Amino acid sequence: MRVFAIVNQKGGSGKTTTAINLAAVFAARGKRTLLVDLDPQSHCAAGLGVPEDEIEFSVSEALLAEHERGLNLKSVVWEVARDFQLLPSTMRLAAVEASPKARPRSSA
């Protein structure tokens, strides 16, 4: 398994476009591909035609899921095309990022 991360703090630098196209190329070559969107703006879903109002569960719920109970992947992963799946983000991710429970504790 290979993992690619496309990261840049500057907006408008092409991160989403690069991620979508890179994932599409791997999927077209028969590689099982999961695109994980960790941007609360949810542009990967928009770029792939996934209606935001139909995203019931997203990466936020996946991150907050209790590990003992497990996570039903079919409820959070969208089948975009053959060998191409998306774990979408929503604006709810911004709330997770801002949550005091989500922040690491300081060692002070």
PDB file of N, CA and C in Angstrom:
ATOM      1  N   MET A   1       0.843  -1.166   0.000  1.00  0.00           N
ATOM      2  CA  MET A   1       0.000   0.000   0.000  1.00  0.00           C
ATOM      3  C   MET A   1       0.896   1.239   0.000  1.00  0.00           C
ATOM      4  N   ARG A   2       0.520   2.190  -0.837  1.00  0.00           N
ATOM      5  CA  ARG A   2       1.235   3.461  -0.893  1.00  0.00           C
ATOM      6  C   ARG A   2       0.305   4.566  -0.434  1.00  0.00           C
ATOM      7  N   VAL A   3       0.878   5.534   0.252  1.00  0.00           N
ATOM      8  CA  VAL A   3       0.112   6.671   0.734  1.00  0.00           C
ATOM      9  C   VAL A   3       0.761   7.937   0.193  1.00  0.00           C
ATOM     10  N   PHE A   4      -0.051   8.791  -0.393  1.00  0.00           N
ATOM     11  CA  PHE A   4       0.418  10.082  -0.890  1.00  0.00           C
ATOM     12  C   PHE A   4      -0.313  11.164  -0.120  1.00  0.00           C
ATOM     13  N   ALA A   5       0.388  12.178   0.301  1.00  0.00           N
ATOM     14  CA  ALA A   5      -0.223  13.333   0.956  1.00  0.00           C
ATOM     15  C   ALA A   5       0.099  14.571   0.138  1.00  0.00           C
ATOM     16  N   ILE A   6      -0.929  15.335  -0.153  1.00  0.00           N
ATOM     17  CA  ILE A   6      -0.751  16.570  -0.899  1.00  0.00           C
ATOM     18  C   ILE A   6      -1.103  17.697   0.059  1.00  0.00           C
ATOM     19  N   VAL A   7      -0.065  18.448   0.455  1.00  0.00           N
ATOM     20  CA  VAL A   7      -0.224  19.419   1.531  1.00  0.00           C
ATOM     21  C   VAL A   7       0.426  20.740   1.137  1.00  0.00           C
ATOM     22  N   ASN A   8      -0.291  21.815   1.433  1.00  0.00           N
ATOM     23  CA  ASN A   8       0.245  23.155   1.265  1.00  0.00           C
ATOM     24  C   ASN A   8      -0.704  24.098   1.987  1.00  0.00           C
ATOM     25  N   GLN A   9      -0.196  25.021   2.762  1.00  0.00           N
ATOM     26  CA  GLN A   9      -1.077  25.933   3.485  1.00  0.00           C
ATOM     27  C   GLN A   9      -1.702  26.983   2.582  1.00  0.00           C
ATOM     28  N   LYS A  10      -1.105  27.266   1.464  1.00  0.00           N
ATOM     29  CA  LYS A  10      -1.636  28.298   0.579  1.00  0.00           C
ATOM     30  C   LYS A  10      -2.883  27.793  -0.133  1.00  0.00           C
ATOM     31  N   GLY A  11      -3.923  28.574  -0.097  1.00  0.00           N
ATOM     32  CA  GLY A  11      -5.127  28.251  -0.840  1.00  0.00           C
ATOM     33  C   GLY A  11      -4.928  28.497  -2.323  1.00  0.00           C
ATOM     34  N   GLY A  12      -5.655  27.768  -3.132  1.00  0.00           N
ATOM     35  CA  GLY A  12      -5.602  27.989  -4.574  1.00  0.00           C
ATOM     36  C   GLY A  12      -4.355  27.471  -5.256  1.00  0.00           C
ATOM     37  N   SER A  13      -3.624  26.588  -4.589  1.00  0.00           N
ATOM     38  CA  SER A  13      -2.378  26.083  -5.176  1.00  0.00           C
ATOM     39  C   SER A  13      -2.581  24.799  -5.985  1.00  0.00           C
ATOM     40  N   GLY A  14      -3.810  24.293  -6.038  1.00  0.00           N
ATOM     41  CA  GLY A  14      -4.084  23.111  -6.854  1.00  0.00           C
ATOM     42  C   GLY A  14      -4.057  21.794  -6.113  1.00  0.00           C
ATOM     43  N   LYS A  15      -4.127  21.827  -4.795  1.00  0.00           N
ATOM     44  CA  LYS A  15      -4.069  20.577  -4.003  1.00  0.00           C
ATOM     45  C   LYS A  15      -5.225  19.645  -4.340  1.00  0.00           C
ATOM     46  N   THR A  16      -6.445  20.175  -4.359  1.00  0.00           N
ATOM     47  CA  THR A  16      -7.621  19.341  -4.624  1.00  0.00           C
ATOM     48  C   THR A  16      -7.591  18.805  -6.046  1.00  0.00           C
ATOM     49  N   THR A  17      -7.295  19.665  -6.992  1.00  0.00           N
ATOM     50  CA  THR A  17      -7.227  19.236  -8.389  1.00  0.00           C
ATOM     51  C   THR A  17      -6.177  18.151  -8.570  1.00  0.00           C
ATOM     52  N   THR A  18      -5.026  18.333  -7.964  1.00  0.00           N
ATOM     53  CA  THR A  18      -3.962  17.329  -8.059  1.00  0.00           C
ATOM     54  C   THR A  18      -4.401  16.014  -7.430  1.00  0.00           C
ATOM     55  N   ALA A  19      -5.007  16.081  -6.255  1.00  0.00           N
ATOM     56  CA  ALA A  19      -5.426  14.867  -5.551  1.00  0.00           C
ATOM     57  C   ALA A  19      -6.471  14.094  -6.352  1.00  0.00           C
ATOM     58  N   ILE A  20      -7.477  14.802  -6.866  1.00  0.00           N
ATOM     59  CA  ILE A  20      -8.528  14.137  -7.642  1.00  0.00           C
ATOM     60  C   ILE A  20      -7.952  13.479  -8.883  1.00  0.00           C
ATOM     61  N   ASN A  21      -7.119  14.213  -9.604  1.00  0.00           N
ATOM     62  CA  ASN A  21      -6.577  13.670 -10.846  1.00  0.00           C
ATOM     63  C   ASN A  21      -5.591  12.533 -10.606  1.00  0.00           C
ATOM     64  N   LEU A  22      -4.783  12.644  -9.581  1.00  0.00           N
ATOM     65  CA  LEU A  22      -3.851  11.570  -9.246  1.00  0.00           C
ATOM     66  C   LEU A  22      -4.618  10.301  -8.862  1.00  0.00           C
ATOM     67  N   ALA A  23      -5.643  10.463  -8.035  1.00  0.00           N
ATOM     68  CA  ALA A  23      -6.469   9.315  -7.641  1.00  0.00           C
ATOM     69  C   ALA A  23      -7.149   8.691  -8.854  1.00  0.00           C
ATOM     70  N   ALA A  24      -7.661   9.518  -9.755  1.00  0.00           N
ATOM     71  CA  ALA A  24      -8.339   9.012 -10.950  1.00  0.00           C
ATOM     72  C   ALA A  24      -7.394   8.221 -11.845  1.00  0.00           C
ATOM     73  N   VAL A  25      -6.162   8.685 -11.974  1.00  0.00           N
ATOM     74  CA  VAL A  25      -5.177   7.982 -12.804  1.00  0.00           C
ATOM     75  C   VAL A  25      -4.859   6.608 -12.215  1.00  0.00           C
ATOM     76  N   PHE A  26      -4.633   6.556 -10.898  1.00  0.00           N
ATOM     77  CA  PHE A  26      -4.347   5.262 -10.267  1.00  0.00           C
ATOM     78  C   PHE A  26      -5.525   4.311 -10.417  1.00  0.00           C
ATOM     79  N   ALA A  27      -6.734   4.813 -10.205  1.00  0.00           N
ATOM     80  CA  ALA A  27      -7.917   3.962 -10.345  1.00  0.00           C
ATOM     81  C   ALA A  27      -8.075   3.466 -11.777  1.00  0.00           C
ATOM     82  N   ALA A  28      -7.833   4.335 -12.742  1.00  0.00           N
ATOM     83  CA  ALA A  28      -7.937   3.947 -14.147  1.00  0.00           C
ATOM     84  C   ALA A  28      -6.924   2.871 -14.513  1.00  0.00           C
ATOM     85  N   ARG A  29      -5.827   2.823 -13.779  1.00  0.00           N
ATOM     86  CA  ARG A  29      -4.803   1.795 -14.016  1.00  0.00           C
ATOM     87  C   ARG A  29      -5.062   0.530 -13.205  1.00  0.00           C
ATOM     88  N   GLY A  30      -6.243   0.459 -12.566  1.00  0.00           N
ATOM     89  CA  GLY A  30      -6.633  -0.744 -11.844  1.00  0.00           C
ATOM     90  C   GLY A  30      -6.156  -0.819 -10.412  1.00  0.00           C
ATOM     91  N   LYS A  31      -5.643   0.266  -9.879  1.00  0.00           N
ATOM     92  CA  LYS A  31      -5.195   0.300  -8.480  1.00  0.00           C
ATOM     93  C   LYS A  31      -6.362   0.738  -7.604  1.00  0.00           C
ATOM     94  N   ARG A  32      -6.662  -0.043  -6.576  1.00  0.00           N
ATOM     95  CA  ARG A  32      -7.712   0.365  -5.644  1.00  0.00           C
ATOM     96  C   ARG A  32      -7.266   1.654  -4.964  1.00  0.00           C
ATOM     97  N   THR A  33      -8.089   2.681  -5.065  1.00  0.00           N
ATOM     98  CA  THR A  33      -7.697   4.010  -4.636  1.00  0.00           C
ATOM     99  C   THR A  33      -8.742   4.607  -3.699  1.00  0.00           C
ATOM    100  N   LEU A  34      -8.281   5.118  -2.570  1.00  0.00           N
ATOM    101  CA  LEU A  34      -9.137   5.823  -1.628  1.00  0.00           C
ATOM    102  C   LEU A  34      -8.605   7.235  -1.490  1.00  0.00           C
ATOM    103  N   LEU A  35      -9.437   8.212  -1.851  1.00  0.00           N
ATOM    104  CA  LEU A  35      -9.092   9.616  -1.698  1.00  0.00           C
ATOM    105  C   LEU A  35      -9.736  10.100  -0.402  1.00  0.00           C
ATOM    106  N   VAL A  36      -8.910  10.540   0.540  1.00  0.00           N
ATOM    107  CA  VAL A  36      -9.391  11.024   1.834  1.00  0.00           C
ATOM    108  C   VAL A  36      -9.272  12.538   1.847  1.00  0.00           C
ATOM    109  N   ASP A  37     -10.413  13.216   1.977  1.00  0.00           N
ATOM    110  CA  ASP A  37     -10.443  14.671   1.985  1.00  0.00           C
ATOM    111  C   ASP A  37     -10.414  15.158   3.426  1.00  0.00           C
ATOM    112  N   LEU A  38      -9.361  15.857   3.801  1.00  0.00           N
ATOM    113  CA  LEU A  38      -9.239  16.399   5.155  1.00  0.00           C
ATOM    114  C   LEU A  38      -9.345  17.921   5.165  1.00  0.00           C
ATOM    115  N   ASP A  39     -10.064  18.467   4.192  1.00  0.00           N
ATOM    116  CA  ASP A  39     -10.299  19.908   4.114  1.00  0.00           C
ATOM    117  C   ASP A  39     -11.783  20.163   4.371  1.00  0.00           C
ATOM    118  N   PRO A  40     -12.121  20.961   5.383  1.00  0.00           N
ATOM    119  CA  PRO A  40     -13.529  21.218   5.692  1.00  0.00           C
ATOM    120  C   PRO A  40     -14.320  21.847   4.539  1.00  0.00           C
ATOM    121  N   GLN A  41     -13.631  22.408   3.553  1.00  0.00           N
ATOM    122  CA  GLN A  41     -14.342  23.005   2.423  1.00  0.00           C
ATOM    123  C   GLN A  41     -14.959  21.950   1.510  1.00  0.00           C
ATOM    124  N   SER A  42     -14.545  20.712   1.644  1.00  0.00           N
ATOM    125  CA  SER A  42     -15.143  19.573   0.936  1.00  0.00           C
ATOM    126  C   SER A  42     -15.103  19.700  -0.585  1.00  0.00           C
ATOM    127  N   HIS A  43     -14.040  20.236  -1.110  1.00  0.00           N
ATOM    128  CA  HIS A  43     -13.976  20.425  -2.545  1.00  0.00           C
ATOM    129  C   HIS A  43     -13.738  19.143  -3.319  1.00  0.00           C
ATOM    130  N   CYS A  44     -13.187  18.108  -2.688  1.00  0.00           N
ATOM    131  CA  CYS A  44     -13.029  16.833  -3.394  1.00  0.00           C
ATOM    132  C   CYS A  44     -14.398  16.271  -3.758  1.00  0.00           C
ATOM    133  N   ALA A  45     -15.319  16.302  -2.807  1.00  0.00           N
ATOM    134  CA  ALA A  45     -16.671  15.814  -3.085  1.00  0.00           C
ATOM    135  C   ALA A  45     -17.318  16.640  -4.193  1.00  0.00           C
ATOM    136  N   ALA A  46     -17.191  17.945  -4.090  1.00  0.00           N
ATOM    137  CA  ALA A  46     -17.779  18.822  -5.109  1.00  0.00           C
ATOM    138  C   ALA A  46     -17.155  18.550  -6.476  1.00  0.00           C
ATOM    139  N   GLY A  47     -15.846  18.397  -6.510  1.00  0.00           N
ATOM    140  CA  GLY A  47     -15.151  18.149  -7.764  1.00  0.00           C
ATOM    141  C   GLY A  47     -15.484  16.814  -8.399  1.00  0.00           C
ATOM    142  N   LEU A  48     -15.933  15.876  -7.574  1.00  0.00           N
ATOM    143  CA  LEU A  48     -16.291  14.546  -8.075  1.00  0.00           C
ATOM    144  C   LEU A  48     -17.801  14.375  -8.225  1.00  0.00           C
ATOM    145  N   GLY A  49     -18.549  15.447  -8.011  1.00  0.00           N
ATOM    146  CA  GLY A  49     -19.989  15.400  -8.216  1.00  0.00           C
ATOM    147  C   GLY A  49     -20.782  14.734  -7.113  1.00  0.00           C
ATOM    148  N   VAL A  50     -20.218  14.648  -5.908  1.00  0.00           N
ATOM    149  CA  VAL A  50     -20.932  14.077  -4.769  1.00  0.00           C
ATOM    150  C   VAL A  50     -21.723  15.206  -4.115  1.00  0.00           C
ATOM    151  N   PRO A  51     -23.055  15.104  -4.083  1.00  0.00           N
ATOM    152  CA  PRO A  51     -23.849  16.188  -3.495  1.00  0.00           C
ATOM    153  C   PRO A  51     -23.637  16.295  -1.988  1.00  0.00           C
ATOM    154  N   GLU A  52     -23.245  17.484  -1.518  1.00  0.00           N
ATOM    155  CA  GLU A  52     -22.930  17.659  -0.100  1.00  0.00           C
ATOM    156  C   GLU A  52     -24.119  17.334   0.790  1.00  0.00           C
ATOM    157  N   ASP A  53     -25.323  17.627   0.338  1.00  0.00           N
ATOM    158  CA  ASP A  53     -26.496  17.363   1.170  1.00  0.00           C
ATOM    159  C   ASP A  53     -26.798  15.871   1.311  1.00  0.00           C
ATOM    160  N   GLU A  54     -26.126  15.041   0.535  1.00  0.00           N
ATOM    161  CA  GLU A  54     -26.296  13.591   0.648  1.00  0.00           C
ATOM    162  C   GLU A  54     -25.187  12.926   1.475  1.00  0.00           C
ATOM    163  N   ILE A  55     -24.214  13.707   1.908  1.00  0.00           N
ATOM    164  CA  ILE A  55     -23.129  13.164   2.728  1.00  0.00           C
ATOM    165  C   ILE A  55     -23.607  13.124   4.174  1.00  0.00           C
ATOM    166  N   GLU A  56     -24.038  11.951   4.606  1.00  0.00           N
ATOM    167  CA  GLU A  56     -24.532  11.801   5.974  1.00  0.00           C
ATOM    168  C   GLU A  56     -23.378  11.629   6.952  1.00  0.00           C
ATOM    169  N   PHE A  57     -22.403  10.803   6.590  1.00  0.00           N
ATOM    170  CA  PHE A  57     -21.225  10.567   7.418  1.00  0.00           C
ATOM    171  C   PHE A  57     -20.003  10.949   6.603  1.00  0.00           C
ATOM    172  N   SER A  58     -19.003  11.501   7.286  1.00  0.00           N
ATOM    173  CA  SER A  58     -17.815  11.973   6.578  1.00  0.00           C
ATOM    174  C   SER A  58     -16.561  11.599   7.353  1.00  0.00           C
ATOM    175  N   VAL A  59     -15.443  12.172   6.944  1.00  0.00           N
ATOM    176  CA  VAL A  59     -14.177  11.917   7.604  1.00  0.00           C
ATOM    177  C   VAL A  59     -14.246  12.320   9.080  1.00  0.00           C
ATOM    178  N   SER A  60     -15.081  13.299   9.411  1.00  0.00           N
ATOM    179  CA  SER A  60     -15.237  13.711  10.812  1.00  0.00           C
ATOM    180  C   SER A  60     -15.703  12.551  11.673  1.00  0.00           C
ATOM    181  N   GLU A  61     -16.739  11.872  11.217  1.00  0.00           N
ATOM    182  CA  GLU A  61     -17.268  10.727  11.966  1.00  0.00           C
ATOM    183  C   GLU A  61     -16.263   9.585  12.001  1.00  0.00           C
ATOM    184  N   ALA A  62     -15.518   9.411  10.921  1.00  0.00           N
ATOM    185  CA  ALA A  62     -14.500   8.356  10.896  1.00  0.00           C
ATOM    186  C   ALA A  62     -13.411   8.633  11.932  1.00  0.00           C
ATOM    187  N   LEU A  63     -13.019   9.891  12.057  1.00  0.00           N
ATOM    188  CA  LEU A  63     -11.981  10.249  13.027  1.00  0.00           C
ATOM    189  C   LEU A  63     -12.459  10.115  14.464  1.00  0.00           C
ATOM    190  N   LEU A  64     -13.745  10.362  14.697  1.00  0.00           N
ATOM    191  CA  LEU A  64     -14.284  10.344  16.046  1.00  0.00           C
ATOM    192  C   LEU A  64     -14.906   9.002  16.446  1.00  0.00           C
ATOM    193  N   ALA A  65     -14.931   8.039  15.523  1.00  0.00           N
ATOM    194  CA  ALA A  65     -15.561   6.753  15.813  1.00  0.00           C
ATOM    195  C   ALA A  65     -14.844   6.028  16.947  1.00  0.00           C
ATOM    196  N   GLU A  66     -15.623   5.354  17.750  1.00  0.00           N
ATOM    197  CA  GLU A  66     -15.040   4.543  18.819  1.00  0.00           C
ATOM    198  C   GLU A  66     -14.432   3.301  18.176  1.00  0.00           C
ATOM    199  N   HIS A  67     -13.173   3.081  18.444  1.00  0.00           N
ATOM    200  CA  HIS A  67     -12.458   1.988  17.782  1.00  0.00           C
ATOM    201  C   HIS A  67     -13.011   0.627  18.169  1.00  0.00           C
ATOM    202  N   GLU A  68     -13.521   0.490  19.379  1.00  0.00           N
ATOM    203  CA  GLU A  68     -14.049  -0.793  19.822  1.00  0.00           C
ATOM    204  C   GLU A  68     -15.289  -1.183  19.027  1.00  0.00           C
ATOM    205  N   ARG A  69     -16.099  -0.189  18.680  1.00  0.00           N
ATOM    206  CA  ARG A  69     -17.347  -0.458  17.972  1.00  0.00           C
ATOM    207  C   ARG A  69     -17.106  -0.650  16.485  1.00  0.00           C
ATOM    208  N   GLY A  70     -15.998  -0.158  16.004  1.00  0.00           N
ATOM    209  CA  GLY A  70     -15.708  -0.254  14.586  1.00  0.00           C
ATOM    210  C   GLY A  70     -16.439   0.810  13.800  1.00  0.00           C
ATOM    211  N   LEU A  71     -16.224   0.828  12.519  1.00  0.00           N
ATOM    212  CA  LEU A  71     -16.822   1.820  11.645  1.00  0.00           C
ATOM    213  C   LEU A  71     -17.326   1.119  10.405  1.00  0.00           C
ATOM    214  N   ASN A  72     -18.563   1.353  10.071  1.00  0.00           N
ATOM    215  CA  ASN A  72     -19.129   0.794   8.851  1.00  0.00           C
ATOM    216  C   ASN A  72     -18.639   1.634   7.677  1.00  0.00           C
ATOM    217  N   LEU A  73     -17.630   1.144   6.987  1.00  0.00           N
ATOM    218  CA  LEU A  73     -17.021   1.918   5.902  1.00  0.00           C
ATOM    219  C   LEU A  73     -18.014   2.259   4.802  1.00  0.00           C
ATOM    220  N   LYS A  74     -18.976   1.383   4.574  1.00  0.00           N
ATOM    221  CA  LYS A  74     -19.943   1.657   3.512  1.00  0.00           C
ATOM    222  C   LYS A  74     -20.774   2.896   3.813  1.00  0.00           C
ATOM    223  N   SER A  75     -20.851   3.285   5.091  1.00  0.00           N
ATOM    224  CA  SER A  75     -21.641   4.457   5.439  1.00  0.00           C
ATOM    225  C   SER A  75     -20.860   5.757   5.252  1.00  0.00           C
ATOM    226  N   VAL A  76     -19.544   5.690   5.119  1.00  0.00           N
ATOM    227  CA  VAL A  76     -18.750   6.914   4.975  1.00  0.00           C
ATOM    228  C   VAL A  76     -17.994   7.008   3.654  1.00  0.00           C
ATOM    229  N   VAL A  77     -17.818   5.917   2.958  1.00  0.00           N
ATOM    230  CA  VAL A  77     -17.033   5.915   1.723  1.00  0.00           C
ATOM    231  C   VAL A  77     -17.966   5.912   0.515  1.00  0.00           C
ATOM    232  N   TRP A  78     -17.696   6.784  -0.435  1.00  0.00           N
ATOM    233  CA  TRP A  78     -18.471   6.885  -1.667  1.00  0.00           C
ATOM    234  C   TRP A  78     -17.734   6.179  -2.794  1.00  0.00           C
ATOM    235  N   GLU A  79     -18.449   5.409  -3.569  1.00  0.00           N
ATOM    236  CA  GLU A  79     -17.894   4.758  -4.753  1.00  0.00           C
ATOM    237  C   GLU A  79     -17.984   5.760  -5.892  1.00  0.00           C
ATOM    238  N   VAL A  80     -16.848   6.304  -6.310  1.00  0.00           N
ATOM    239  CA  VAL A  80     -16.812   7.309  -7.367  1.00  0.00           C
ATOM    240  C   VAL A  80     -16.795   6.639  -8.728  1.00  0.00           C
ATOM    241  N   ALA A  81     -15.959   5.629  -8.857  1.00  0.00           N
ATOM    242  CA  ALA A  81     -15.814   4.872 -10.099  1.00  0.00           C
ATOM    243  C   ALA A  81     -15.173   3.537  -9.733  1.00  0.00           C
ATOM    244  N   ARG A  82     -14.990   2.697 -10.721  1.00  0.00           N
ATOM    245  CA  ARG A  82     -14.339   1.420 -10.449  1.00  0.00           C
ATOM    246  C   ARG A  82     -12.959   1.680  -9.847  1.00  0.00           C
ATOM    247  N   ASP A  83     -12.681   1.021  -8.719  1.00  0.00           N
ATOM    248  CA  ASP A  83     -11.402   1.142  -8.007  1.00  0.00           C
ATOM    249  C   ASP A  83     -11.149   2.542  -7.438  1.00  0.00           C
ATOM    250  N   PHE A  84     -12.156   3.378  -7.363  1.00  0.00           N
ATOM    251  CA  PHE A  84     -11.977   4.755  -6.899  1.00  0.00           C
ATOM    252  C   PHE A  84     -13.054   5.085  -5.859  1.00  0.00           C
ATOM    253  N   GLN A  85     -12.604   5.262  -4.621  1.00  0.00           N
ATOM    254  CA  GLN A  85     -13.517   5.605  -3.541  1.00  0.00           C
ATOM    255  C   GLN A  85     -13.085   6.923  -2.907  1.00  0.00           C
ATOM    256  N   LEU A  86     -14.061   7.608  -2.313  1.00  0.00           N
ATOM    257  CA  LEU A  86     -13.822   8.891  -1.660  1.00  0.00           C
ATOM    258  C   LEU A  86     -14.343   8.834  -0.237  1.00  0.00           C
ATOM    259  N   LEU A  87     -13.499   9.243   0.701  1.00  0.00           N
ATOM    260  CA  LEU A  87     -13.926   9.503   2.072  1.00  0.00           C
ATOM    261  C   LEU A  87     -14.041  11.028   2.155  1.00  0.00           C
ATOM    262  N   PRO A  88     -15.269  11.556   2.030  1.00  0.00           N
ATOM    263  CA  PRO A  88     -15.439  12.995   1.907  1.00  0.00           C
ATOM    264  C   PRO A  88     -15.326  13.729   3.228  1.00  0.00           C
ATOM    265  N   SER A  89     -15.149  15.010   3.106  1.00  0.00           N
ATOM    266  CA  SER A  89     -15.147  15.907   4.249  1.00  0.00           C
ATOM    267  C   SER A  89     -16.380  16.785   4.160  1.00  0.00           C
ATOM    268  N   THR A  90     -16.718  17.422   5.260  1.00  0.00           N
ATOM    269  CA  THR A  90     -17.780  18.425   5.283  1.00  0.00           C
ATOM    270  C   THR A  90     -17.326  19.541   6.214  1.00  0.00           C
ATOM    271  N   MET A  91     -18.134  20.566   6.329  1.00  0.00           N
ATOM    272  CA  MET A  91     -17.826  21.675   7.230  1.00  0.00           C
ATOM    273  C   MET A  91     -17.761  21.215   8.681  1.00  0.00           C
ATOM    274  N   ARG A  92     -18.353  20.044   8.984  1.00  0.00           N
ATOM    275  CA  ARG A  92     -18.302  19.521  10.356  1.00  0.00           C
ATOM    276  C   ARG A  92     -16.865  19.295  10.811  1.00  0.00           C
ATOM    277  N   LEU A  93     -15.953  19.085   9.860  1.00  0.00           N
ATOM    278  CA  LEU A  93     -14.556  18.865  10.218  1.00  0.00           C
ATOM    279  C   LEU A  93     -13.970  20.092  10.917  1.00  0.00           C
ATOM    280  N   ALA A  94     -14.420  21.269  10.555  1.00  0.00           N
ATOM    281  CA  ALA A  94     -13.923  22.485  11.207  1.00  0.00           C
ATOM    282  C   ALA A  94     -14.281  22.473  12.682  1.00  0.00           C
ATOM    283  N   ALA A  95     -15.458  21.948  13.017  1.00  0.00           N
ATOM    284  CA  ALA A  95     -15.864  21.856  14.422  1.00  0.00           C
ATOM    285  C   ALA A  95     -15.009  20.838  15.161  1.00  0.00           C
ATOM    286  N   VAL A  96     -14.660  19.753  14.492  1.00  0.00           N
ATOM    287  CA  VAL A  96     -13.799  18.738  15.110  1.00  0.00           C
ATOM    288  C   VAL A  96     -12.423  19.328  15.387  1.00  0.00           C
ATOM    289  N   GLU A  97     -11.896  20.093  14.432  1.00  0.00           N
ATOM    290  CA  GLU A  97     -10.588  20.718  14.606  1.00  0.00           C
ATOM    291  C   GLU A  97     -10.595  21.714  15.754  1.00  0.00           C
ATOM    292  N   ALA A  98     -11.719  22.403  15.967  1.00  0.00           N
ATOM    293  CA  ALA A  98     -11.811  23.426  17.004  1.00  0.00           C
ATOM    294  C   ALA A  98     -12.174  22.861  18.370  1.00  0.00           C
ATOM    295  N   SER A  99     -12.600  21.609  18.404  1.00  0.00           N
ATOM    296  CA  SER A  99     -13.048  21.003  19.652  1.00  0.00           C
ATOM    297  C   SER A  99     -11.905  20.837  20.646  1.00  0.00           C
ATOM    298  N   PRO A 100     -12.118  21.207  21.923  1.00  0.00           N
ATOM    299  CA  PRO A 100     -11.061  21.015  22.925  1.00  0.00           C
ATOM    300  C   PRO A 100     -10.679  19.544  23.077  1.00  0.00           C
ATOM    301  N   LYS A 101     -11.629  18.638  22.863  1.00  0.00           N
ATOM    302  CA  LYS A 101     -11.331  17.212  22.972  1.00  0.00           C
ATOM    303  C   LYS A 101     -10.387  16.746  21.863  1.00  0.00           C
ATOM    304  N   ALA A 102     -10.448  17.426  20.731  1.00  0.00           N
ATOM    305  CA  ALA A 102      -9.629  17.021  19.586  1.00  0.00           C
ATOM    306  C   ALA A 102      -8.190  17.529  19.688  1.00  0.00           C
ATOM    307  N   ARG A 103      -7.967  18.536  20.525  1.00  0.00           N
ATOM    308  CA  ARG A 103      -6.627  19.109  20.638  1.00  0.00           C
ATOM    309  C   ARG A 103      -5.733  18.256  21.521  1.00  0.00           C
ATOM    310  N   PRO A 104      -4.468  18.115  21.151  1.00  0.00           N
ATOM    311  CA  PRO A 104      -3.538  17.394  22.025  1.00  0.00           C
ATOM    312  C   PRO A 104      -3.348  18.135  23.343  1.00  0.00           C
ATOM    313  N   ARG A 105      -3.178  17.414  24.382  1.00  0.00           N
ATOM    314  CA  ARG A 105      -2.943  18.018  25.695  1.00  0.00           C
ATOM    315  C   ARG A 105      -1.506  18.495  25.796  1.00  0.00           C
ATOM    316  N   SER A 106      -1.326  19.629  26.425  1.00  0.00           N
ATOM    317  CA  SER A 106       0.037  20.139  26.599  1.00  0.00           C
ATOM    318  C   SER A 106       0.694  19.412  27.754  1.00  0.00           C
ATOM    319  N   SER A 107       1.997  19.356  27.738  1.00  0.00           N
ATOM    320  CA  SER A 107       2.723  18.642  28.792  1.00  0.00           C
ATOM    321  C   SER A 107       3.234  19.602  29.862  1.00  0.00           C
ATOM    322  N   ALA A 108       2.633  20.789  29.921  1.00  0.00           N
ATOM    323  CA  ALA A 108       3.101  21.806  30.884  1.00  0.00           C
ATOM    324  C   ALA A 108       2.745  21.473  32.292  1.00  0.00           C
TER     325      ALA A 108
END
